Amino acid sequence: MKPVLIIDPGHGGKDPGGGSNKYWVEKDMNLTISLYQFQRYQQLGIPVAITRQKDVTLSPAERTKIVRESGAKYCHSNHINAGGGDGGEVIHSIYGGEDMAEEVAAELQHAGQNIRRIFTRPLPNDRTRDFYYMNRDTGAVITNIIEYGFADSRGDDIRQIKDDWQVLAESVVKAFCSYVEFPYESIRGGVTLKKYLSLPPEASTWRIYPLNASPVKGNEKGFLRPEKFGGLTYQILGTPQAHVYLIQTRDFGKVQIYGHPNTGAKVLTK
């Protein structure tokens, strides 16, 4: 069955996205929001596709080709903004998508996010073509670019996205269901999203610590070898302190591991 909607988590891989700050990297937040929505649409019985389900690099040409060839009629491209503003934005094509954009913006506002603007933008040297490639090169697919807020906002965007991203993501699901006149049911028991710690393939070794010791150098239980396996990913079983995680390993059992973002480790939600 062809999807009705395809979700595009903006950026990814070598492209972190500009809407990043000390709390998140845009590409990861985009993916977290998108995977949540992907599960929700499946739960609601809406045929849905997604351009990426992990941290991979997609060129503009690759990304838009996936959208065009998906068979979907609609696309949501999820992003976090930057530039010092505050509030959500929804961008639609000069050729359509305004009604869907207004529906999305209205639900985002109802969820507590102020709306900065709903707009479209043509190329300055060719007013017949969209400025943004996700509007311009996705063919007949009606695409909205959804900016959930500003990563460098002086208002409340950072708190909202950090603490209430799921509320904002759900509001878009509700808006789309209303727009395509598909029955919507609110969350019952929530969508279970698991967190994972991803260790970079560039790291030759990574210290792990027993559960009954402080996770500092000298207390190691052993070493993981991400480089050997092209990177390693573990489900996070607990967070006893900031940037310290409990994971289950094959060779060492349940252990503690330190994964501050400065180390190259990433926490993923899926």
Protein backbone atom coordinates (compact mmCIF):
# COMPACT_ATOMS: atom_id res chain seq x y z
CA MET A 1 0.00 0.00 0.00
CA LYS A 2 1.31 3.42 -0.92
CA PRO A 3 1.88 5.80 1.95
CA VAL A 4 -0.38 8.80 2.34
CA LEU A 5 2.36 10.73 4.13
CA ILE A 6 6.14 10.65 4.17
CA ILE A 7 8.03 12.19 7.10
CA ASP A 8 11.42 13.76 6.55
CA PRO A 9 13.72 14.20 9.56
CA GLY A 10 15.82 17.13 8.34
CA HIS A 11 19.62 16.91 8.05
CA GLY A 12 21.48 13.81 9.34
CA GLY A 13 24.88 12.17 9.18
CA LYS A 14 27.56 14.68 8.24
CA ASP A 15 24.99 17.48 8.29
CA PRO A 16 24.11 18.29 11.93
CA GLY A 17 21.76 21.16 11.08
CA GLY A 18 21.98 24.71 12.32
CA GLY A 19 19.21 24.44 14.92
CA SER A 20 21.49 22.94 17.56
CA ASN A 21 22.49 24.02 21.06
CA LYS A 22 23.98 22.54 24.24
CA TYR A 23 20.84 20.46 24.80
CA TRP A 24 20.48 18.83 21.40
CA VAL A 25 21.89 18.48 17.89
CA GLU A 26 19.24 19.39 15.35
CA LYS A 27 19.57 16.25 13.24
CA ASP A 28 18.98 14.10 16.35
CA MET A 29 16.00 16.12 17.60
CA ASN A 30 14.48 16.03 14.10
CA LEU A 31 14.86 12.25 14.08
CA THR A 32 13.39 11.88 17.56
CA ILE A 33 10.30 13.89 16.61
CA SER A 34 9.94 12.07 13.29
CA LEU A 35 10.26 8.56 14.69
CA TYR A 36 7.65 9.40 17.30
CA GLN A 37 5.27 10.61 14.60
CA PHE A 38 6.09 7.61 12.40
CA GLN A 39 5.00 5.26 15.21
CA ARG A 40 1.90 7.31 15.96
CA TYR A 41 0.71 7.27 12.35
CA GLN A 42 1.25 3.52 12.22
CA GLN A 43 -0.71 3.21 15.45
CA LEU A 44 -3.54 5.22 13.90
CA GLY A 45 -3.55 3.10 10.76
CA ILE A 46 -2.32 5.83 8.41
CA PRO A 47 0.02 4.50 5.69
CA VAL A 48 3.29 6.36 6.31
CA ALA A 49 6.91 6.35 5.15
CA ILE A 50 10.04 8.10 6.37
CA THR A 51 13.18 9.30 4.59
CA ARG A 52 15.59 8.07 7.27
CA GLN A 53 15.30 6.04 10.47
CA LYS A 54 18.87 6.54 11.67
CA ASP A 55 21.69 9.05 11.55
CA VAL A 56 22.67 8.93 7.87
CA THR A 57 23.71 11.57 5.36
CA LEU A 58 21.24 12.32 2.58
CA SER A 59 22.07 14.80 -0.14
CA PRO A 60 19.25 17.13 -1.25
CA ALA A 61 18.93 15.08 -4.45
CA GLU A 62 18.74 11.78 -2.54
CA ARG A 63 16.28 13.13 0.00
CA THR A 64 13.87 14.64 -2.54
CA LYS A 65 14.08 11.53 -4.73
CA ILE A 66 12.94 9.39 -1.79
CA VAL A 67 10.01 11.74 -1.27
CA ARG A 68 9.05 11.88 -4.96
CA GLU A 69 9.26 8.12 -5.43
CA SER A 70 7.51 7.23 -2.15
CA GLY A 71 4.03 7.40 -3.65
CA ALA A 72 2.94 9.69 -0.82
CA LYS A 73 0.68 12.66 -1.44
CA TYR A 74 1.97 14.68 1.53
CA CYS A 75 5.30 15.30 3.24
CA HIS A 76 6.28 16.83 6.57
CA SER A 77 9.92 17.92 6.77
CA ASN A 78 10.80 18.37 10.45
CA HIS A 79 13.33 20.97 11.58
CA ILE A 80 14.51 23.15 14.45
CA ASN A 81 15.16 26.79 13.54
CA ALA A 82 18.06 29.13 14.36
CA GLY A 83 18.65 32.84 14.05
CA GLY A 84 17.47 34.32 17.34
CA GLY A 85 13.71 34.27 16.77
CA ASP A 86 11.01 32.65 18.85
CA GLY A 87 8.09 30.50 17.82
CA GLY A 88 7.13 27.92 15.26
CA GLU A 89 7.08 28.39 11.50
CA VAL A 90 5.49 26.38 8.71
CA ILE A 91 6.72 26.85 5.14
CA HIS A 92 4.66 25.73 2.16
CA SER A 93 5.22 25.79 -1.59
CA ILE A 94 4.27 28.74 -3.74
CA TYR A 95 2.05 26.24 -5.57
CA GLY A 96 0.13 24.82 -2.62
CA GLY A 97 0.11 23.35 0.86
CA GLU A 98 -1.11 26.49 2.63
CA ASP A 99 -4.26 24.85 4.01
CA MET A 100 -2.24 22.04 5.55
CA ALA A 101 0.30 24.54 6.90
CA GLU A 102 -2.46 26.53 8.59
CA GLU A 103 -3.88 23.37 10.17
CA VAL A 104 -0.44 22.38 11.49
CA ALA A 105 0.26 25.87 12.82
CA ALA A 106 -3.11 26.03 14.57
CA GLU A 107 -2.47 22.77 16.44
CA LEU A 108 1.09 23.78 17.35
CA GLN A 109 -0.35 26.96 18.80
CA HIS A 110 -3.01 25.00 20.67
CA ALA A 111 -0.18 22.85 22.12
CA GLY A 112 1.44 25.98 23.55
CA GLN A 113 3.86 27.09 20.85
CA ASN A 114 3.44 30.60 19.53
CA ILE A 115 3.47 30.80 15.75
CA ARG A 116 5.92 33.24 14.23
CA ARG A 117 4.66 32.91 10.68
CA ILE A 118 3.25 30.70 7.95
CA PHE A 119 4.91 31.59 4.70
CA THR A 120 6.26 30.70 1.31
CA ARG A 121 9.39 31.95 -0.41
CA PRO A 122 10.31 31.96 -4.11
CA LEU A 123 13.80 32.07 -5.54
CA PRO A 124 14.87 35.72 -5.83
CA ASN A 125 16.01 35.27 -9.44
CA ASP A 126 13.09 33.07 -10.50
CA ARG A 127 9.76 33.82 -8.85
CA THR A 128 8.22 30.72 -10.44
CA ARG A 129 10.33 28.36 -8.29
CA ASP A 130 10.41 27.71 -4.55
CA PHE A 131 13.45 28.85 -2.58
CA TYR A 132 13.62 25.76 -0.33
CA TYR A 133 14.51 22.54 -2.13
CA MET A 134 12.09 20.49 -0.06
CA ASN A 135 9.28 22.58 -1.55
CA ARG A 136 10.91 22.95 -4.96
CA ASP A 137 12.16 19.44 -5.77
CA THR A 138 9.61 17.08 -4.21
CA GLY A 139 7.45 17.02 -7.33
CA ALA A 140 3.71 16.66 -6.85
CA VAL A 141 4.09 15.81 -3.16
CA ILE A 142 2.54 18.56 -1.03
CA THR A 143 5.34 19.42 1.39
CA ASN A 144 5.32 21.48 4.56
CA ILE A 145 8.60 22.36 6.24
CA ILE A 146 7.83 22.50 9.96
CA GLU A 147 10.14 24.50 12.23
CA TYR A 148 9.21 23.60 15.80
CA GLY A 149 11.00 26.56 17.36
CA PHE A 150 14.39 28.25 17.66
CA ALA A 151 17.42 26.55 19.20
CA ASP A 152 18.81 29.97 20.14
CA SER A 153 15.53 31.56 21.25
CA ARG A 154 15.53 34.15 24.01
CA GLY A 155 11.95 33.16 24.71
CA ASP A 156 10.60 29.78 25.78
CA ASP A 157 11.37 27.70 22.67
CA ILE A 158 14.37 25.91 24.18
CA ARG A 159 12.41 24.76 27.22
CA GLN A 160 9.43 23.76 25.10
CA ILE A 161 11.45 21.69 22.65
CA LYS A 162 13.65 20.13 25.34
CA ASP A 163 10.83 19.23 27.71
CA ASP A 164 7.71 19.11 25.52
CA TRP A 165 8.90 17.93 22.10
CA GLN A 166 6.45 15.03 22.28
CA VAL A 167 3.51 17.39 22.84
CA LEU A 168 4.55 19.44 19.80
CA ALA A 169 5.10 16.32 17.69
CA GLU A 170 1.68 14.97 18.66
CA SER A 171 0.02 18.25 17.74
CA VAL A 172 1.23 17.81 14.15
CA VAL A 173 -0.17 14.26 14.08
CA LYS A 174 -3.53 15.60 15.25
CA ALA A 175 -3.43 18.40 12.68
CA PHE A 176 -2.67 16.05 9.79
CA CYS A 177 -5.45 13.66 10.80
CA SER A 178 -7.87 16.57 10.81
CA TYR A 179 -6.60 17.84 7.45
CA VAL A 180 -6.99 14.50 5.65
CA GLU A 181 -10.19 13.73 7.61
CA PHE A 182 -8.79 10.60 9.18
CA PRO A 183 -10.05 9.51 12.64
CA TYR A 184 -7.72 10.69 15.38
CA GLU A 185 -7.32 9.11 18.79
CA SER A 186 -5.22 10.67 21.51
CA ILE A 187 -2.40 8.72 23.13
CA ARG A 188 -3.45 5.93 25.41
CA GLY A 189 -0.61 4.77 27.57
CA GLY A 190 1.83 6.73 25.43
CA VAL A 191 4.13 5.63 22.64
CA THR A 192 7.08 3.77 24.12
CA LEU A 193 10.29 5.26 22.81
CA LYS A 194 13.55 3.70 23.94
CA LYS A 195 16.79 5.58 24.39
CA TYR A 196 20.09 4.30 23.06
CA LEU A 197 23.71 5.30 23.53
CA SER A 198 25.65 5.37 20.28
CA LEU A 199 29.45 5.19 20.46
CA PRO A 200 31.33 6.62 17.44
CA PRO A 201 33.27 4.33 15.10
CA GLU A 202 36.34 6.57 15.46
CA ALA A 203 36.83 5.53 19.11
CA SER A 204 39.31 2.67 19.44
CA THR A 205 38.38 1.97 23.07
CA TRP A 206 35.75 3.08 25.58
CA ARG A 207 35.92 2.62 29.33
CA ILE A 208 33.13 0.84 31.19
CA TYR A 209 32.69 0.62 34.96
CA PRO A 210 31.12 -1.78 37.46
CA LEU A 211 27.82 -0.82 39.04
CA ASN A 212 29.28 -0.46 42.53
CA ALA A 213 32.13 1.91 41.65
CA SER A 214 32.42 5.56 40.66
CA PRO A 215 32.68 5.86 36.84
CA VAL A 216 36.13 7.49 36.81
CA LYS A 217 39.48 6.52 35.31
CA GLY A 218 41.09 3.81 37.40
CA ASN A 219 37.82 2.04 38.21
CA GLU A 220 37.38 0.40 34.81
CA LYS A 221 35.84 -3.04 34.51
CA GLY A 222 36.98 -3.30 30.93
CA PHE A 223 36.93 -1.62 27.53
CA LEU A 224 34.53 -1.62 24.60
CA ARG A 225 35.95 -1.36 21.08
CA PRO A 226 33.65 0.75 18.89
CA GLU A 227 36.20 1.12 16.08
CA LYS A 228 36.40 -2.65 15.62
CA PHE A 229 32.66 -2.88 14.97
CA GLY A 230 32.13 0.36 13.07
CA GLY A 231 30.51 1.92 16.13
CA LEU A 232 28.43 0.40 18.92
CA THR A 233 24.90 1.10 20.14
CA TYR A 234 23.37 0.04 23.44
CA GLN A 235 19.93 0.50 24.92
CA ILE A 236 20.05 2.81 27.94
CA LEU A 237 18.68 0.97 30.97
CA GLY A 238 19.12 3.81 33.43
CA THR A 239 20.82 7.13 34.10
CA PRO A 240 22.31 7.14 37.63
CA GLN A 241 23.86 10.58 37.12
CA ALA A 242 24.32 13.17 34.38
CA HIS A 243 25.90 11.62 31.26
CA VAL A 244 26.41 8.26 33.01
CA TYR A 245 24.32 5.41 31.65
CA LEU A 246 23.57 1.81 32.51
CA ILE A 247 23.92 -0.59 29.59
CA GLN A 248 23.92 -4.37 29.10
CA THR A 249 27.00 -5.73 27.29
CA ARG A 250 27.72 -9.19 25.97
CA ASP A 251 31.12 -9.65 27.58
CA PHE A 252 30.86 -7.61 30.79
CA GLY A 253 27.19 -7.81 31.70
CA LYS A 254 25.44 -4.75 33.09
CA VAL A 255 27.84 -1.84 33.49
CA GLN A 256 28.10 1.94 33.76
CA ILE A 257 29.44 4.04 30.91
CA TYR A 258 30.25 7.74 30.62
CA GLY A 259 28.82 9.39 27.50
CA HIS A 260 29.04 13.19 27.62
CA PRO A 261 28.33 14.71 24.16
CA ASN A 262 31.90 16.05 24.13
CA THR A 263 33.16 12.47 23.96
CA GLY A 264 31.39 11.88 20.65
CA ALA A 265 28.71 9.67 22.20
CA LYS A 266 25.10 10.36 21.22
CA VAL A 267 21.82 9.58 22.92
CA LEU A 268 19.20 8.52 20.38
CA THR A 269 15.49 7.98 20.89
CA LYS A 270 13.64 5.47 18.74
